[in-house]
N, C-alpha and C. Protein backbone atom coordinates (compact mmCIF):
# COMPACT_ATOMS: atom_id res chain seq x y z
N MET A 1 0.85 -1.18 0.00
CA MET A 1 0.00 0.00 0.00
C MET A 1 0.90 1.24 0.00
N PRO A 2 0.68 2.14 -0.93
CA PRO A 2 1.52 3.35 -1.00
C PRO A 2 1.23 4.28 0.18
N SER A 3 2.24 5.08 0.53
CA SER A 3 2.08 6.06 1.60
C SER A 3 1.09 7.12 1.17
N LYS A 4 0.32 7.57 2.15
CA LYS A 4 -0.69 8.59 1.86
C LYS A 4 -0.23 9.91 2.47
N PRO A 5 -0.09 10.96 1.64
CA PRO A 5 0.33 12.26 2.19
C PRO A 5 -0.77 12.87 3.06
N LEU A 6 -0.35 13.76 3.94
CA LEU A 6 -1.30 14.40 4.84
C LEU A 6 -0.89 15.86 5.03
N THR A 7 -1.88 16.73 5.06
CA THR A 7 -1.64 18.15 5.29
C THR A 7 -2.33 18.58 6.56
N ILE A 8 -1.58 19.25 7.44
CA ILE A 8 -2.12 19.82 8.67
C ILE A 8 -1.84 21.31 8.60
N GLY A 9 -2.85 22.09 8.29
CA GLY A 9 -2.63 23.53 8.11
C GLY A 9 -1.60 23.76 7.02
N PRO A 10 -0.53 24.51 7.30
CA PRO A 10 0.50 24.76 6.28
C PRO A 10 1.55 23.65 6.20
N LEU A 11 1.45 22.65 7.07
CA LEU A 11 2.45 21.58 7.13
C LEU A 11 2.04 20.42 6.23
N HIS A 12 2.98 19.95 5.41
CA HIS A 12 2.71 18.84 4.50
C HIS A 12 3.63 17.67 4.86
N PHE A 13 3.04 16.51 4.99
CA PHE A 13 3.78 15.31 5.36
C PHE A 13 3.62 14.28 4.24
N ALA A 14 4.71 13.58 3.93
CA ALA A 14 4.68 12.59 2.86
C ALA A 14 3.80 11.40 3.22
N LYS A 15 3.71 11.13 4.52
CA LYS A 15 2.86 10.02 4.97
C LYS A 15 2.32 10.32 6.36
N LYS A 16 1.24 9.63 6.72
CA LYS A 16 0.60 9.85 8.02
C LYS A 16 1.55 9.59 9.16
N GLY A 17 2.41 8.61 9.00
CA GLY A 17 3.35 8.28 10.06
C GLY A 17 4.27 9.44 10.39
N ASP A 18 4.65 10.21 9.39
CA ASP A 18 5.48 11.39 9.64
C ASP A 18 4.70 12.43 10.43
N ALA A 19 3.43 12.61 10.10
CA ALA A 19 2.59 13.56 10.83
C ALA A 19 2.39 13.09 12.27
N ALA A 20 2.18 11.79 12.45
CA ALA A 20 2.01 11.24 13.80
C ALA A 20 3.26 11.46 14.64
N ALA A 21 4.42 11.23 14.05
CA ALA A 21 5.68 11.43 14.77
C ALA A 21 5.86 12.90 15.13
N PHE A 22 5.48 13.79 14.25
CA PHE A 22 5.58 15.23 14.50
C PHE A 22 4.70 15.64 15.68
N LEU A 23 3.44 15.18 15.68
CA LEU A 23 2.52 15.53 16.76
C LEU A 23 2.92 14.87 18.08
N GLN A 24 3.43 13.65 17.99
CA GLN A 24 3.89 12.96 19.20
C GLN A 24 5.08 13.71 19.81
N ALA A 25 5.96 14.21 18.97
CA ALA A 25 7.12 14.98 19.47
C ALA A 25 6.65 16.23 20.21
N ILE A 26 5.61 16.88 19.70
CA ILE A 26 5.06 18.05 20.40
C ILE A 26 4.54 17.62 21.77
N LEU A 27 3.77 16.53 21.80
CA LEU A 27 3.20 16.05 23.06
C LEU A 27 4.30 15.77 24.09
N HIS A 28 5.37 15.16 23.65
CA HIS A 28 6.43 14.76 24.58
C HIS A 28 7.34 15.92 24.99
N ARG A 29 7.18 17.08 24.39
CA ARG A 29 7.94 18.25 24.83
C ARG A 29 7.40 18.81 26.15
N TYR A 30 6.19 18.40 26.50
CA TYR A 30 5.52 18.96 27.67
C TYR A 30 5.37 17.93 28.77
N ASP A 31 5.39 18.45 30.00
CA ASP A 31 5.07 17.61 31.15
C ASP A 31 3.58 17.71 31.43
N VAL A 32 3.06 16.76 32.19
CA VAL A 32 1.66 16.79 32.59
C VAL A 32 1.40 18.08 33.37
N GLY A 33 0.37 18.81 32.96
CA GLY A 33 0.01 20.07 33.61
C GLY A 33 0.51 21.30 32.88
N ASP A 34 1.36 21.12 31.89
CA ASP A 34 1.89 22.27 31.13
C ASP A 34 0.86 22.82 30.16
N LYS A 35 0.96 24.13 29.94
CA LYS A 35 0.17 24.80 28.90
C LYS A 35 0.99 24.77 27.61
N VAL A 36 0.35 24.48 26.51
CA VAL A 36 1.02 24.39 25.21
C VAL A 36 1.37 25.80 24.71
N SER A 37 2.54 25.95 24.12
CA SER A 37 3.00 27.25 23.63
C SER A 37 2.12 27.74 22.47
N PRO A 38 2.11 29.05 22.23
CA PRO A 38 1.31 29.58 21.11
C PRO A 38 1.70 28.96 19.75
N ALA A 39 2.97 28.72 19.51
CA ALA A 39 3.39 28.12 18.23
C ALA A 39 2.84 26.71 18.08
N ASP A 40 2.94 25.92 19.13
CA ASP A 40 2.40 24.55 19.06
C ASP A 40 0.87 24.58 19.05
N GLU A 41 0.29 25.59 19.70
CA GLU A 41 -1.17 25.69 19.73
C GLU A 41 -1.73 25.81 18.31
N GLN A 42 -1.06 26.55 17.46
CA GLN A 42 -1.57 26.70 16.09
C GLN A 42 -1.55 25.36 15.36
N VAL A 43 -0.52 24.57 15.57
CA VAL A 43 -0.45 23.24 14.95
C VAL A 43 -1.61 22.39 15.46
N LEU A 44 -1.87 22.47 16.76
CA LEU A 44 -2.96 21.67 17.34
C LEU A 44 -4.32 22.12 16.83
N ARG A 45 -4.49 23.42 16.64
CA ARG A 45 -5.77 23.91 16.09
C ARG A 45 -5.97 23.35 14.67
N ASP A 46 -4.90 23.35 13.89
CA ASP A 46 -4.99 22.83 12.53
C ASP A 46 -5.25 21.32 12.54
N ALA A 47 -4.60 20.61 13.44
CA ALA A 47 -4.81 19.16 13.54
C ALA A 47 -6.22 18.86 14.02
N LEU A 48 -6.69 19.61 15.01
CA LEU A 48 -8.03 19.38 15.56
C LEU A 48 -9.10 19.57 14.51
N ALA A 49 -8.86 20.45 13.55
CA ALA A 49 -9.83 20.67 12.47
C ALA A 49 -10.06 19.40 11.66
N LEU A 50 -9.10 18.46 11.71
CA LEU A 50 -9.23 17.20 10.98
C LEU A 50 -9.91 16.11 11.80
N HIS A 51 -10.13 16.37 13.08
CA HIS A 51 -10.72 15.36 13.98
C HIS A 51 -12.16 15.09 13.55
N PRO A 52 -12.59 13.83 13.54
CA PRO A 52 -13.97 13.52 13.12
C PRO A 52 -15.04 14.12 14.03
N GLU A 53 -14.68 14.47 15.27
CA GLU A 53 -15.63 15.08 16.20
C GLU A 53 -15.17 16.49 16.59
N ALA A 54 -14.58 17.19 15.64
CA ALA A 54 -13.99 18.51 15.92
C ALA A 54 -15.00 19.47 16.56
N GLY A 55 -16.19 19.55 16.01
CA GLY A 55 -17.19 20.48 16.53
C GLY A 55 -17.54 20.20 17.99
N ALA A 56 -17.72 18.94 18.31
CA ALA A 56 -18.05 18.56 19.69
C ALA A 56 -16.86 18.78 20.62
N LYS A 57 -15.68 18.49 20.12
CA LYS A 57 -14.48 18.66 20.94
C LYS A 57 -14.24 20.14 21.24
N ILE A 58 -14.41 20.99 20.26
CA ILE A 58 -14.16 22.43 20.44
C ILE A 58 -15.26 23.06 21.28
N GLY A 59 -16.49 22.62 21.08
CA GLY A 59 -17.60 23.15 21.88
C GLY A 59 -17.74 24.66 21.73
N CYS A 60 -17.70 25.38 22.84
CA CYS A 60 -17.90 26.84 22.80
C CYS A 60 -16.63 27.61 22.46
N GLY A 61 -15.54 26.91 22.21
CA GLY A 61 -14.30 27.58 21.81
C GLY A 61 -13.08 27.02 22.52
N ILE A 62 -11.96 27.62 22.21
CA ILE A 62 -10.68 27.17 22.78
C ILE A 62 -9.97 28.38 23.38
N THR A 63 -9.64 28.29 24.64
CA THR A 63 -8.80 29.35 25.23
C THR A 63 -7.33 28.97 25.10
N HIS A 64 -7.03 27.71 25.32
CA HIS A 64 -5.68 27.20 25.16
C HIS A 64 -5.68 25.68 25.21
N PHE A 65 -4.53 25.11 24.89
CA PHE A 65 -4.36 23.66 24.99
C PHE A 65 -3.41 23.37 26.15
N SER A 66 -3.59 22.22 26.76
CA SER A 66 -2.69 21.78 27.81
C SER A 66 -2.42 20.29 27.65
N VAL A 67 -1.46 19.82 28.39
CA VAL A 67 -1.14 18.39 28.41
C VAL A 67 -1.47 17.89 29.80
N ARG A 68 -2.29 16.85 29.84
CA ARG A 68 -2.70 16.27 31.11
C ARG A 68 -2.70 14.76 31.00
N SER A 69 -2.99 14.12 32.10
CA SER A 69 -3.07 12.66 32.11
C SER A 69 -4.27 12.20 31.31
N ALA A 70 -4.15 10.99 30.82
CA ALA A 70 -5.25 10.37 30.08
C ALA A 70 -5.44 8.96 30.63
N ASP A 71 -6.12 8.16 29.89
CA ASP A 71 -6.37 6.78 30.31
C ASP A 71 -5.06 6.00 30.42
N PHE A 72 -5.03 5.09 31.33
CA PHE A 72 -3.93 4.15 31.49
C PHE A 72 -2.58 4.84 31.77
N GLY A 73 -2.62 6.00 32.42
CA GLY A 73 -1.39 6.67 32.81
C GLY A 73 -0.66 7.37 31.68
N THR A 74 -1.26 7.44 30.53
CA THR A 74 -0.62 8.14 29.42
C THR A 74 -0.95 9.63 29.52
N LYS A 75 -0.36 10.44 28.66
CA LYS A 75 -0.73 11.84 28.62
C LYS A 75 -1.24 12.18 27.23
N CYS A 76 -2.07 13.22 27.19
CA CYS A 76 -2.62 13.64 25.91
C CYS A 76 -2.94 15.12 25.94
N PHE A 77 -3.32 15.64 24.79
CA PHE A 77 -3.70 17.04 24.68
C PHE A 77 -5.11 17.24 25.20
N TRP A 78 -5.31 18.38 25.86
CA TRP A 78 -6.62 18.76 26.36
C TRP A 78 -6.97 20.14 25.82
N ILE A 79 -8.23 20.30 25.48
CA ILE A 79 -8.78 21.58 25.05
C ILE A 79 -9.35 22.27 26.29
N ASN A 80 -8.97 23.51 26.51
CA ASN A 80 -9.51 24.30 27.62
C ASN A 80 -10.42 25.36 27.03
N ARG A 81 -11.69 25.31 27.40
CA ARG A 81 -12.71 26.17 26.80
C ARG A 81 -12.97 27.43 27.63
N PRO A 82 -13.57 28.44 26.99
CA PRO A 82 -13.88 29.69 27.72
C PRO A 82 -14.82 29.50 28.90
N ASP A 83 -15.67 28.48 28.86
CA ASP A 83 -16.62 28.27 29.96
C ASP A 83 -16.02 27.45 31.11
N GLY A 84 -14.73 27.16 31.02
CA GLY A 84 -14.05 26.44 32.09
C GLY A 84 -14.03 24.93 31.94
N THR A 85 -14.75 24.41 30.95
CA THR A 85 -14.76 22.98 30.74
C THR A 85 -13.51 22.57 29.94
N THR A 86 -13.21 21.30 30.01
CA THR A 86 -12.07 20.77 29.28
C THR A 86 -12.48 19.51 28.54
N GLU A 87 -11.74 19.18 27.53
CA GLU A 87 -12.02 17.99 26.73
C GLU A 87 -10.70 17.46 26.19
N LYS A 88 -10.47 16.19 26.34
CA LYS A 88 -9.24 15.62 25.79
C LYS A 88 -9.47 15.23 24.34
N PHE A 89 -8.37 15.17 23.61
CA PHE A 89 -8.48 14.67 22.24
C PHE A 89 -7.21 13.96 21.85
N SER A 90 -7.37 12.99 20.99
CA SER A 90 -6.26 12.20 20.50
C SER A 90 -5.78 12.76 19.17
N TYR A 91 -4.49 13.04 19.11
CA TYR A 91 -3.95 13.51 17.82
C TYR A 91 -4.05 12.40 16.79
N LYS A 92 -4.06 11.15 17.23
CA LYS A 92 -4.16 10.03 16.30
C LYS A 92 -5.51 10.04 15.57
N ALA A 93 -6.58 10.43 16.28
CA ALA A 93 -7.89 10.53 15.64
C ALA A 93 -7.90 11.61 14.57
N CYS A 94 -7.10 12.65 14.78
CA CYS A 94 -7.02 13.73 13.80
C CYS A 94 -6.40 13.24 12.48
N LEU A 95 -5.56 12.24 12.57
CA LEU A 95 -4.87 11.75 11.39
C LEU A 95 -5.70 10.77 10.58
N THR A 96 -6.68 10.18 11.22
CA THR A 96 -7.53 9.23 10.50
C THR A 96 -8.81 9.89 10.01
N GLY A 97 -9.09 11.10 10.53
CA GLY A 97 -10.22 11.90 10.09
C GLY A 97 -11.47 11.16 10.11
């Protein structure tokens, strides 16, 4: 099966695996409880737009992204909304659309 290219905002990847590695590297730059930097936030906004449940995940909006604990002791990205609610999302789901 040939590699399938993927575009996340202005970023172009030759294959999904390259995009997954890029997003995973962003995740691992942060410790649990950290707020994501503005530069990484833009990448996450572009990736989240590809998520199959983007509208539900974003809800009333995004104030910022953070990294927190997830299931089974792993960490993942969290959306922090203006109303104080939060929602986790998997960057992997963004890649499968």
